[in-house]
């Protein structure tokens, strides 16, 4: 088994997954967000894990990212397709847009963010210059192009602590820093995958304009949830296409 899909807000269940079994995996770091759903989707064997739990009860800052990634690694996962809902900062990141970021800026704090600590034989560093796997990004891009689904190639994801949304002043700072979208779960998920030698890429659903970018109004949560539900259909189509076509050897039956 090689492939896992991690779902975020709006993707706590994976439509089309023919579940064979649920598996509880214990880790040295505690319990993952829930049992791993192991089954087949579009003919491809896949593991599904919703990072917020199956009933969307775990806030971003309390997700046990290390347990999630460790559990997937224990299952033999080498490739992760992640899906996340984000706020749009730059003009191109309008609600209902799909974005495939290629960079991250980490603003989180207090989250355990590495496996390389404690009683180590030596200090370990990893290269994180380019946090997302280019081959997996290209799989997303090919699928979107074939399906004629607009997908923005590139952008910087700013990872914030949550669970509150940001102030308008914070969004201005993040924009000056170069962020295109803002989310709460991209880190340390991405770096833990890299430490585990897993290929990782994230498909972002822009749910709303970030604070201060919506004409001075406040965030409309009803509209945001409607946008997520609508746009997530496109995200599911892209995932299904990648699995059905076995793009980039992303799915094998070995």
C-alpha atoms as a PDB file:
ATOM      1  CA  UNK A   1       0.000   0.000   0.000  1.00  0.00           C
ATOM      2  CA  UNK A   2       1.426   3.356  -1.027  1.00  0.00           C
ATOM      3  CA  UNK A   3      -1.160   6.144  -1.205  1.00  0.00           C
ATOM      4  CA  UNK A   4      -3.008   8.133   1.439  1.00  0.00           C
ATOM      5  CA  UNK A   5      -5.484  10.986   1.172  1.00  0.00           C
ATOM      6  CA  UNK A   6      -5.726  13.392   4.095  1.00  0.00           C
ATOM      7  CA  UNK A   7      -8.984  15.315   4.137  1.00  0.00           C
ATOM      8  CA  UNK A   8      -9.618  18.661   5.767  1.00  0.00           C
ATOM      9  CA  UNK A   9     -12.679  20.839   6.355  1.00  0.00           C
ATOM     10  CA  UNK A  10     -15.308  19.763   3.854  1.00  0.00           C
ATOM     11  CA  UNK A  11     -13.688  16.381   3.241  1.00  0.00           C
ATOM     12  CA  UNK A  12     -14.232  14.355   6.390  1.00  0.00           C
ATOM     13  CA  UNK A  13     -15.685  11.519   4.300  1.00  0.00           C
ATOM     14  CA  UNK A  14     -14.293  10.362   0.970  1.00  0.00           C
ATOM     15  CA  UNK A  15     -17.124   9.744  -1.473  1.00  0.00           C
ATOM     16  CA  UNK A  16     -16.414   6.798  -3.725  1.00  0.00           C
ATOM     17  CA  UNK A  17     -14.195   5.005  -1.222  1.00  0.00           C
ATOM     18  CA  UNK A  18     -15.208   1.389  -0.961  1.00  0.00           C
ATOM     19  CA  UNK A  19     -14.015   0.769   2.573  1.00  0.00           C
ATOM     20  CA  UNK A  20     -12.594  -2.655   3.237  1.00  0.00           C
ATOM     21  CA  UNK A  21     -11.747  -2.069   6.863  1.00  0.00           C
ATOM     22  CA  UNK A  22     -10.980   0.501   9.531  1.00  0.00           C
ATOM     23  CA  UNK A  23      -7.680   0.136  11.362  1.00  0.00           C
ATOM     24  CA  UNK A  24      -6.706   1.684  14.669  1.00  0.00           C
ATOM     25  CA  UNK A  25      -2.978   2.436  14.774  1.00  0.00           C
ATOM     26  CA  UNK A  26      -1.216   3.230  18.049  1.00  0.00           C
ATOM     27  CA  UNK A  27       1.884   5.404  17.837  1.00  0.00           C
ATOM     28  CA  UNK A  28       4.632   6.578  20.205  1.00  0.00           C
ATOM     29  CA  UNK A  29       3.020  10.025  19.971  1.00  0.00           C
ATOM     30  CA  UNK A  30      -0.514   9.078  20.950  1.00  0.00           C
ATOM     31  CA  UNK A  31      -3.617   8.494  18.888  1.00  0.00           C
ATOM     32  CA  UNK A  32      -4.174   9.750  15.334  1.00  0.00           C
ATOM     33  CA  UNK A  33      -7.246  11.774  14.403  1.00  0.00           C
ATOM     34  CA  UNK A  34      -9.158   8.530  13.989  1.00  0.00           C
ATOM     35  CA  UNK A  35      -8.989   5.001  12.618  1.00  0.00           C
ATOM     36  CA  UNK A  36      -7.517   4.731   9.141  1.00  0.00           C
ATOM     37  CA  UNK A  37     -10.088   3.911   6.447  1.00  0.00           C
ATOM     38  CA  UNK A  38      -8.528   1.383   4.098  1.00  0.00           C
ATOM     39  CA  UNK A  39     -10.256   0.552   0.843  1.00  0.00           C
ATOM     40  CA  UNK A  40     -10.413   1.112  -2.882  1.00  0.00           C
ATOM     41  CA  UNK A  41     -11.347   4.227  -4.817  1.00  0.00           C
ATOM     42  CA  UNK A  42     -11.527   4.290  -8.617  1.00  0.00           C
ATOM     43  CA  UNK A  43      -9.928   0.843  -8.509  1.00  0.00           C
ATOM     44  CA  UNK A  44      -6.928   2.045  -6.498  1.00  0.00           C
ATOM     45  CA  UNK A  45      -6.019   0.908  -2.994  1.00  0.00           C
ATOM     46  CA  UNK A  46      -5.948   3.943  -0.723  1.00  0.00           C
ATOM     47  CA  UNK A  47      -5.891   4.955   2.934  1.00  0.00           C
ATOM     48  CA  UNK A  48      -8.076   7.867   3.994  1.00  0.00           C
ATOM     49  CA  UNK A  49      -7.661   9.945   7.158  1.00  0.00           C
ATOM     50  CA  UNK A  50      -9.632  13.110   8.008  1.00  0.00           C
ATOM     51  CA  UNK A  51      -7.233  15.304   9.957  1.00  0.00           C
ATOM     52  CA  UNK A  52     -10.039  16.872  12.033  1.00  0.00           C
ATOM     53  CA  UNK A  53     -11.617  13.480  12.824  1.00  0.00           C
ATOM     54  CA  UNK A  54     -14.604  11.829  11.182  1.00  0.00           C
ATOM     55  CA  UNK A  55     -17.051  14.173  12.919  1.00  0.00           C
ATOM     56  CA  UNK A  56     -14.838  17.247  12.450  1.00  0.00           C
ATOM     57  CA  UNK A  57     -14.244  17.705  16.173  1.00  0.00           C
ATOM     58  CA  UNK A  58     -10.488  18.332  16.413  1.00  0.00           C
ATOM     59  CA  UNK A  59      -9.404  21.983  16.023  1.00  0.00           C
ATOM     60  CA  UNK A  60      -6.269  22.730  13.987  1.00  0.00           C
ATOM     61  CA  UNK A  61      -3.988  23.415  16.959  1.00  0.00           C
ATOM     62  CA  UNK A  62      -4.989  20.158  18.695  1.00  0.00           C
ATOM     63  CA  UNK A  63      -4.505  17.795  15.754  1.00  0.00           C
ATOM     64  CA  UNK A  64      -1.913  15.161  16.579  1.00  0.00           C
ATOM     65  CA  UNK A  65       0.069  15.646  13.378  1.00  0.00           C
ATOM     66  CA  UNK A  66       2.927  13.405  14.458  1.00  0.00           C
ATOM     67  CA  UNK A  67       0.571  10.527  15.249  1.00  0.00           C
ATOM     68  CA  UNK A  68      -1.207  10.967  11.918  1.00  0.00           C
ATOM     69  CA  UNK A  69       1.956  10.860   9.831  1.00  0.00           C
ATOM     70  CA  UNK A  70       3.530   8.102  11.913  1.00  0.00           C
ATOM     71  CA  UNK A  71       0.407   5.935  11.526  1.00  0.00           C
ATOM     72  CA  UNK A  72       0.436   6.410   7.755  1.00  0.00           C
ATOM     73  CA  UNK A  73       4.121   5.554   7.599  1.00  0.00           C
ATOM     74  CA  UNK A  74       3.461   2.388   9.601  1.00  0.00           C
ATOM     75  CA  UNK A  75       0.931   1.404   6.922  1.00  0.00           C
ATOM     76  CA  UNK A  76       3.629   1.686   4.262  1.00  0.00           C
ATOM     77  CA  UNK A  77       2.389   4.967   2.806  1.00  0.00           C
ATOM     78  CA  UNK A  78       4.901   6.746   0.557  1.00  0.00           C
ATOM     79  CA  UNK A  79       2.650   9.347  -1.110  1.00  0.00           C
ATOM     80  CA  UNK A  80       0.155  11.733   0.469  1.00  0.00           C
ATOM     81  CA  UNK A  81      -2.462  13.795  -1.346  1.00  0.00           C
ATOM     82  CA  UNK A  82      -3.753  16.380   1.106  1.00  0.00           C
ATOM     83  CA  UNK A  83      -6.808  18.617   0.761  1.00  0.00           C
ATOM     84  CA  UNK A  84      -7.315  21.797   2.798  1.00  0.00           C
ATOM     85  CA  UNK A  85      -9.696  24.752   2.940  1.00  0.00           C
ATOM     86  CA  UNK A  86      -8.013  28.164   3.036  1.00  0.00           C
ATOM     87  CA  UNK A  87      -8.674  31.888   2.966  1.00  0.00           C
ATOM     88  CA  UNK A  88      -7.670  33.884  -0.087  1.00  0.00           C
ATOM     89  CA  UNK A  89      -5.331  36.860   0.304  1.00  0.00           C
ATOM     90  CA  UNK A  90      -4.115  37.898  -3.143  1.00  0.00           C
ATOM     91  CA  UNK A  91      -6.523  39.038  -5.849  1.00  0.00           C
ATOM     92  CA  UNK A  92      -6.420  35.778  -7.792  1.00  0.00           C
ATOM     93  CA  UNK A  93      -7.467  33.733  -4.755  1.00  0.00           C
ATOM     94  CA  UNK A  94     -11.211  34.281  -4.910  1.00  0.00           C
ATOM     95  CA  UNK A  95     -13.769  32.083  -3.118  1.00  0.00           C
ATOM     96  CA  UNK A  96     -14.365  28.910  -5.083  1.00  0.00           C
ATOM     97  CA  UNK A  97     -10.827  28.861  -6.498  1.00  0.00           C
ATOM     98  CA  UNK A  98      -8.587  25.797  -6.357  1.00  0.00           C
ATOM     99  CA  UNK A  99      -4.914  26.452  -5.629  1.00  0.00           C
ATOM    100  CA  UNK A 100      -1.859  24.213  -5.642  1.00  0.00           C
ATOM    101  CA  UNK A 101       0.720  25.945  -3.421  1.00  0.00           C
ATOM    102  CA  UNK A 102       4.441  25.463  -3.905  1.00  0.00           C
ATOM    103  CA  UNK A 103       5.716  27.231  -0.767  1.00  0.00           C
ATOM    104  CA  UNK A 104       4.888  27.581   2.941  1.00  0.00           C
ATOM    105  CA  UNK A 105       5.510  30.167   5.633  1.00  0.00           C
ATOM    106  CA  UNK A 106       4.984  28.788   9.130  1.00  0.00           C
ATOM    107  CA  UNK A 107       3.399  31.117  11.709  1.00  0.00           C
ATOM    108  CA  UNK A 108       2.275  28.360  14.077  1.00  0.00           C
ATOM    109  CA  UNK A 109       3.662  27.991  17.585  1.00  0.00           C
ATOM    110  CA  UNK A 110       3.730  25.337  20.282  1.00  0.00           C
ATOM    111  CA  UNK A 111       2.938  22.447  17.953  1.00  0.00           C
ATOM    112  CA  UNK A 112       5.229  19.404  18.115  1.00  0.00           C
ATOM    113  CA  UNK A 113       6.743  19.680  14.661  1.00  0.00           C
ATOM    114  CA  UNK A 114       9.502  17.091  14.314  1.00  0.00           C
ATOM    115  CA  UNK A 115      10.268  13.438  14.884  1.00  0.00           C
ATOM    116  CA  UNK A 116      13.946  14.318  15.405  1.00  0.00           C
ATOM    117  CA  UNK A 117      14.078  15.176  19.094  1.00  0.00           C
ATOM    118  CA  UNK A 118      14.666  13.472  22.393  1.00  0.00           C
ATOM    119  CA  UNK A 119      17.270  10.774  22.871  1.00  0.00           C
ATOM    120  CA  UNK A 120      18.971  11.032  19.462  1.00  0.00           C
ATOM    121  CA  UNK A 121      22.229   9.507  18.343  1.00  0.00           C
ATOM    122  CA  UNK A 122      22.918  12.674  16.366  1.00  0.00           C
ATOM    123  CA  UNK A 123      21.207  15.892  15.314  1.00  0.00           C
ATOM    124  CA  UNK A 124      19.226  15.453  12.094  1.00  0.00           C
ATOM    125  CA  UNK A 125      18.383  18.172   9.585  1.00  0.00           C
ATOM    126  CA  UNK A 126      16.287  17.882   6.438  1.00  0.00           C
ATOM    127  CA  UNK A 127      16.113  19.979   3.283  1.00  0.00           C
ATOM    128  CA  UNK A 128      12.755  21.780   3.176  1.00  0.00           C
ATOM    129  CA  UNK A 129      13.551  24.322   0.458  1.00  0.00           C
ATOM    130  CA  UNK A 130      10.615  23.122  -1.616  1.00  0.00           C
ATOM    131  CA  UNK A 131       8.033  21.672   0.762  1.00  0.00           C
ATOM    132  CA  UNK A 132       5.714  20.076  -1.799  1.00  0.00           C
ATOM    133  CA  UNK A 133       6.524  17.161  -4.090  1.00  0.00           C
ATOM    134  CA  UNK A 134       6.742  18.379  -7.672  1.00  0.00           C
ATOM    135  CA  UNK A 135       5.756  15.000  -9.198  1.00  0.00           C
ATOM    136  CA  UNK A 136       2.576  14.966  -7.095  1.00  0.00           C
ATOM    137  CA  UNK A 137       1.886  18.602  -7.942  1.00  0.00           C
ATOM    138  CA  UNK A 138       2.173  17.711 -11.625  1.00  0.00           C
ATOM    139  CA  UNK A 139      -0.333  14.883 -11.114  1.00  0.00           C
ATOM    140  CA  UNK A 140      -2.832  17.393  -9.710  1.00  0.00           C
ATOM    141  CA  UNK A 141      -2.167  19.795 -12.587  1.00  0.00           C
ATOM    142  CA  UNK A 142      -2.583  17.146 -15.291  1.00  0.00           C
ATOM    143  CA  UNK A 143      -5.839  15.942 -13.783  1.00  0.00           C
ATOM    144  CA  UNK A 144      -7.280  19.456 -13.523  1.00  0.00           C
ATOM    145  CA  UNK A 145      -6.257  20.303 -17.087  1.00  0.00           C
ATOM    146  CA  UNK A 146      -7.811  17.116 -18.477  1.00  0.00           C
ATOM    147  CA  UNK A 147     -11.043  17.722 -16.549  1.00  0.00           C
ATOM    148  CA  UNK A 148     -11.044  21.409 -17.556  1.00  0.00           C
ATOM    149  CA  UNK A 149     -11.163  22.448 -13.890  1.00  0.00           C
ATOM    150  CA  UNK A 150      -9.303  25.740 -13.220  1.00  0.00           C
ATOM    151  CA  UNK A 151      -6.383  25.233 -10.842  1.00  0.00           C
ATOM    152  CA  UNK A 152      -3.891  27.933  -9.912  1.00  0.00           C
ATOM    153  CA  UNK A 153      -0.358  26.585 -10.181  1.00  0.00           C
ATOM    154  CA  UNK A 154       1.793  27.943  -7.343  1.00  0.00           C
ATOM    155  CA  UNK A 155       1.397  30.214  -4.383  1.00  0.00           C
ATOM    156  CA  UNK A 156       2.574  30.571  -0.826  1.00  0.00           C
ATOM    157  CA  UNK A 157       0.541  29.033   1.973  1.00  0.00           C
ATOM    158  CA  UNK A 158       0.723  30.834   5.314  1.00  0.00           C
ATOM    159  CA  UNK A 159       0.103  28.447   8.218  1.00  0.00           C
ATOM    160  CA  UNK A 160      -1.472  30.112  11.262  1.00  0.00           C
ATOM    161  CA  UNK A 161      -2.234  28.755  14.706  1.00  0.00           C
ATOM    162  CA  UNK A 162      -6.036  28.962  14.783  1.00  0.00           C
ATOM    163  CA  UNK A 163      -8.662  28.116  15.681  1.00  0.00           C
ATOM    164  CA  UNK A 164      -9.685  31.768  15.359  1.00  0.00           C
ATOM    165  CA  UNK A 165      -9.537  33.454  11.995  1.00  0.00           C
ATOM    166  CA  UNK A 166      -7.040  36.258  11.462  1.00  0.00           C
ATOM    167  CA  UNK A 167      -7.357  40.009  11.972  1.00  0.00           C
ATOM    168  CA  UNK A 168      -7.296  42.337   8.978  1.00  0.00           C
ATOM    169  CA  UNK A 169      -3.934  43.696  10.184  1.00  0.00           C
ATOM    170  CA  UNK A 170      -2.473  40.192  10.365  1.00  0.00           C
ATOM    171  CA  UNK A 171      -3.616  39.494   6.814  1.00  0.00           C
ATOM    172  CA  UNK A 172      -1.862  42.655   5.619  1.00  0.00           C
ATOM    173  CA  UNK A 173       1.326  41.426   7.313  1.00  0.00           C
ATOM    174  CA  UNK A 174       1.000  37.991   5.741  1.00  0.00           C
ATOM    175  CA  UNK A 175       0.457  39.607   2.344  1.00  0.00           C
ATOM    176  CA  UNK A 176       3.614  41.689   2.777  1.00  0.00           C
ATOM    177  CA  UNK A 177       5.416  38.472   3.671  1.00  0.00           C
ATOM    178  CA  UNK A 178       4.336  37.007   0.339  1.00  0.00           C
ATOM    179  CA  UNK A 179       1.446  34.755   1.349  1.00  0.00           C
ATOM    180  CA  UNK A 180      -1.267  34.057  -1.226  1.00  0.00           C
ATOM    181  CA  UNK A 181      -3.539  31.925   0.961  1.00  0.00           C
ATOM    182  CA  UNK A 182      -3.889  31.366   4.682  1.00  0.00           C
ATOM    183  CA  UNK A 183      -4.707  28.120   6.458  1.00  0.00           C
ATOM    184  CA  UNK A 184      -4.234  26.385   9.791  1.00  0.00           C
ATOM    185  CA  UNK A 185      -3.157  22.806   9.067  1.00  0.00           C
ATOM    186  CA  UNK A 186      -0.372  22.861   6.461  1.00  0.00           C
ATOM    187  CA  UNK A 187       2.277  22.814   9.156  1.00  0.00           C
ATOM    188  CA  UNK A 188       3.664  20.689  10.649  1.00  0.00           C
ATOM    189  CA  UNK A 189       1.913  18.158   8.423  1.00  0.00           C
ATOM    190  CA  UNK A 190       4.106  18.916   5.417  1.00  0.00           C
ATOM    191  CA  UNK A 191       7.419  18.851   7.258  1.00  0.00           C
ATOM    192  CA  UNK A 192       6.591  15.636   9.126  1.00  0.00           C
ATOM    193  CA  UNK A 193       5.848  13.979   5.795  1.00  0.00           C
ATOM    194  CA  UNK A 194       9.232  15.156   4.521  1.00  0.00           C
ATOM    195  CA  UNK A 195      10.983  13.803   7.633  1.00  0.00           C
ATOM    196  CA  UNK A 196       9.257  10.480   6.933  1.00  0.00           C
ATOM    197  CA  UNK A 197      10.475  10.363   3.309  1.00  0.00           C
ATOM    198  CA  UNK A 198       6.909  10.661   2.009  1.00  0.00           C
ATOM    199  CA  UNK A 199       5.978  12.573  -1.121  1.00  0.00           C
ATOM    200  CA  UNK A 200       3.403  15.196  -0.139  1.00  0.00           C
ATOM    201  CA  UNK A 201       1.314  17.765  -2.000  1.00  0.00           C
ATOM    202  CA  UNK A 202      -1.709  19.794  -0.959  1.00  0.00           C
ATOM    203  CA  UNK A 203      -4.758  20.898  -2.947  1.00  0.00           C
ATOM    204  CA  UNK A 204      -6.280  24.074  -1.470  1.00  0.00           C
ATOM    205  CA  UNK A 205      -9.942  25.041  -1.693  1.00  0.00           C
ATOM    206  CA  UNK A 206     -10.316  28.825  -1.267  1.00  0.00           C
ATOM    207  CA  UNK A 207     -13.345  29.123   1.000  1.00  0.00           C
ATOM    208  CA  UNK A 208     -13.466  32.871   1.580  1.00  0.00           C
ATOM    209  CA  UNK A 209     -11.617  36.135   1.197  1.00  0.00           C
ATOM    210  CA  UNK A 210      -9.299  36.645   4.168  1.00  0.00           C
ATOM    211  CA  UNK A 211     -10.026  39.320   6.772  1.00  0.00           C
ATOM    212  CA  UNK A 212     -10.011  42.830   5.321  1.00  0.00           C
ATOM    213  CA  UNK A 213     -10.056  41.496   1.733  1.00  0.00           C
ATOM    214  CA  UNK A 214     -13.817  41.300   1.398  1.00  0.00           C
ATOM    215  CA  UNK A 215     -14.663  44.984   1.076  1.00  0.00           C
ATOM    216  CA  UNK A 216     -14.419  45.667   4.782  1.00  0.00           C
ATOM    217  CA  UNK A 217     -17.051  43.143   5.830  1.00  0.00           C
ATOM    218  CA  UNK A 218     -16.698  40.280   8.235  1.00  0.00           C
ATOM    219  CA  UNK A 219     -16.467  36.612   7.302  1.00  0.00           C
ATOM    220  CA  UNK A 220     -19.813  35.086   6.340  1.00  0.00           C
ATOM    221  CA  UNK A 221     -19.536  31.541   7.689  1.00  0.00           C
ATOM    222  CA  UNK A 222     -22.690  30.344   5.952  1.00  0.00           C
ATOM    223  CA  UNK A 223     -21.373  31.505   2.602  1.00  0.00           C
ATOM    224  CA  UNK A 224     -17.963  30.058   3.396  1.00  0.00           C
ATOM    225  CA  UNK A 225     -19.424  26.611   4.116  1.00  0.00           C
ATOM    226  CA  UNK A 226     -21.499  26.737   0.936  1.00  0.00           C
ATOM    227  CA  UNK A 227     -18.391  27.607  -1.080  1.00  0.00           C
ATOM    228  CA  UNK A 228     -16.450  24.740   0.467  1.00  0.00           C
ATOM    229  CA  UNK A 229     -19.234  22.255  -0.313  1.00  0.00           C
ATOM    230  CA  UNK A 230     -19.489  23.431  -3.911  1.00  0.00           C
ATOM    231  CA  UNK A 231     -15.757  23.623  -4.658  1.00  0.00           C
ATOM    232  CA  UNK A 232     -14.944  20.365  -2.899  1.00  0.00           C
ATOM    233  CA  UNK A 233     -16.838  18.587  -5.685  1.00  0.00           C
ATOM    234  CA  UNK A 234     -14.128  19.705  -8.112  1.00  0.00           C
ATOM    235  CA  UNK A 235     -11.438  18.582  -5.675  1.00  0.00           C
ATOM    236  CA  UNK A 236     -13.038  15.132  -5.468  1.00  0.00           C
ATOM    237  CA  UNK A 237     -13.162  14.892  -9.258  1.00  0.00           C
ATOM    238  CA  UNK A 238      -9.446  15.653  -9.461  1.00  0.00           C
ATOM    239  CA  UNK A 239      -8.595  13.063  -6.811  1.00  0.00           C
ATOM    240  CA  UNK A 240     -10.743  10.439  -8.518  1.00  0.00           C
ATOM    241  CA  UNK A 241      -9.111  11.105 -11.895  1.00  0.00           C
ATOM    242  CA  UNK A 242      -5.601  10.774 -10.461  1.00  0.00           C
ATOM    243  CA  UNK A 243      -6.477   7.442  -8.892  1.00  0.00           C
ATOM    244  CA  UNK A 244      -8.369   6.102 -11.896  1.00  0.00           C
ATOM    245  CA  UNK A 245      -5.524   6.866 -14.311  1.00  0.00           C
ATOM    246  CA  UNK A 246      -2.754   5.758 -11.914  1.00  0.00           C
ATOM    247  CA  UNK A 247      -1.053   9.061 -12.731  1.00  0.00           C
ATOM    248  CA  UNK A 248       2.653   9.324 -11.874  1.00  0.00           C
ATOM    249  CA  UNK A 249       2.593   5.760 -10.523  1.00  0.00           C
ATOM    250  CA  UNK A 250       0.655   7.252  -7.637  1.00  0.00           C
ATOM    251  CA  UNK A 251      -1.370   4.102  -7.189  1.00  0.00           C
ATOM    252  CA  UNK A 252      -0.087   0.575  -7.319  1.00  0.00           C
ATOM    253  CA  UNK A 253      -1.554  -2.718  -6.225  1.00  0.00           C
ATOM    254  CA  UNK A 254       1.689  -4.110  -4.881  1.00  0.00           C
END
